[in-house]
Amino acid sequence: MAIVVPTTLLARQHYRNFVERFESFPIRIAQLSRMVPVKEATATKVEMKDGRVDIVIGTHALIAKDVGFQDLGLLIIDEEQHFGVSHKERLKQLKADVHVLTLTATPIPRTLQLALSGIREMSLIATPPVDRLAVRTFVMPFDPVVIREAILRERFRGGQTFFVCPRLADIAVVEDQLHELIPEVKIGIAHGRLSPTELENIISQFYDGAFDVLLSTNIVESGLDLPSVNTMIIYRADMFGLAQLYQLRGRVGRSKTRAYAYLTLPPKKTLTKTATRRLEVMQTLDTLGAGFSLASHDLDIRGAGNLLGDEQTGHIREVGIELYQQMLEEAVAEARGIEGEILADDEWSPQISTGVPVLIPDYYVVDLSVRMGLYRRLAGLSDQSEIDGFGAELIDRFGPIPDEAENLIKTVSLKNLCKKAGVEKMDAGPKGAVVAFRNSDFANPGGLVQFLTAQKGTAKLRPDHKLVFMRRWDRPQDRFEGVRYLIGELVKIATA
């Protein structure tokens, strides 16, 4: 069995826990990271290839080309959000047909989408340990008085504090501020540029209570378990990502003691829209086990990424979530060999592209769960009166409909017309539209020929059985009206 983790500190922690828990069993456990001396690491690699190591715990060192396994049966990737797609593919290539278990509190959008679409199996652990209390979270400008009070209060109740900076260059500045502000506390410093021995010593001393405050970069983000640390101060929280903030906050509150997290911002600095939204989500999702909800917000903010490539975000907004989900469902069904079951004659869905944004904007419907519910409802509407009623409901609940949502409603209406006309795919742009019929077949070929003749050279049928309709539609409104006319005519011909 191999356990891969993103940092040396987490590898060290897991190694110690495994050694302690399996000390009564005849199981050989080894560690592989930059903290392990070269001689010991070389011996471990030889033992792994010979099958003398039962469990190996390591960092990216396990992905090295000179690492091999005699009989790898289970691969566990902890803190999966820290590994890139290329890293995870390399891990899978360690051995064919290996069981892979990925663990994370905040899956990246691409991984979450893989799970939601059924490509991967997913299990949720939603129950916290007994007597565990949620971390109180505060988003505020950096205030020296509040910082001093928070650190001293933690010290007086016998606890310790994490003080996290986004950049190595910030550490010296913050260290001087803390020495001036709270001269009575002991401060330890940890970051990735320390040698393995120095880092090991600092963390061990902090474990043993030699320091009141550990000033560090986000090297402490991944999985560290220190029950005595129950105050977290994050310097320049606007420079961290959403998952990073959630993971950092998860380093405190790991006992029965109430923990506090202070997300500080530079005074009088205007934040970007995305940074503001991240911090709002952090302050809102302060309950236990909120990682899945937070990852859903992350998916909504950044998009699902490329499920077959390296991009870990983006792409949903290019086609609209309703069409994206439909395309993904069809692709998964086809890959599993059950296309016929999923896409029955009355269940297929036309693909429509008009080159304009089709979505419900987050500024219009702020709550993510409500927005996703509206998408699901809209995808199931098939009658024009129901679609009109849906639009009226949006106006009643959320106010005037923005252009993107109006385009989405019109697209759903077009989709239903396309289904009646037997149109499987329709691409419209400023110069016209291209229509592909389902199974390259149309219900009334004779009527279609008459329609094309009446268009006087502005419409034609290509050799690949696709209909080309040439028009000038510079404005989205003109495009929707023109496409609606075209599909309406095809419906009349098909049903004649």
Foldseek 3Di string as FASTA:
>chain_A
DEEEEAAPVVLVVVQVVVCVVCVVPPAAEEEDELLDDPVRNVVVQVCQCVVVHDYYYYYLRCLDPSHAHNDAAEYEYEQVQVDFPVSVVSVCVNDPPHHYHYDHLAHFLQVLVCCVLPVDPDDADQDDPPLQFFAQEAEEADDLVVVLVLLVVLVVVPAAEEEEEADPVCQVVVVVVCCVSPVPFFEAEDEDPDRSVNNVVRVVCVLVVVGRYYYYYLSVQGDDERARYAEYEYEQLLPDDLRSVVSSNVNHRNDNDHHYYYDHHHPPDDGDPRSVVSVVVVNVPRGPSCNVVSNLVSCVVFNRFDNVDRGRGDDCQQQDVLLVSLVSNCVVCVVVVNNCVQCPLVRAWAREAAPDGAAQDCVQVVDPVVRVVLSVVLSPDQDPVVLVVSQVVSCVPRNDGDPNNVVNSLVSNLRNLCSLLQWRYWYHYQFFIKTAGVVLDGQAVVLVVVVQVVVVPQWDQDPVSIITHTDGDHDSVSRSVVSCVVSVSSSVRRVD
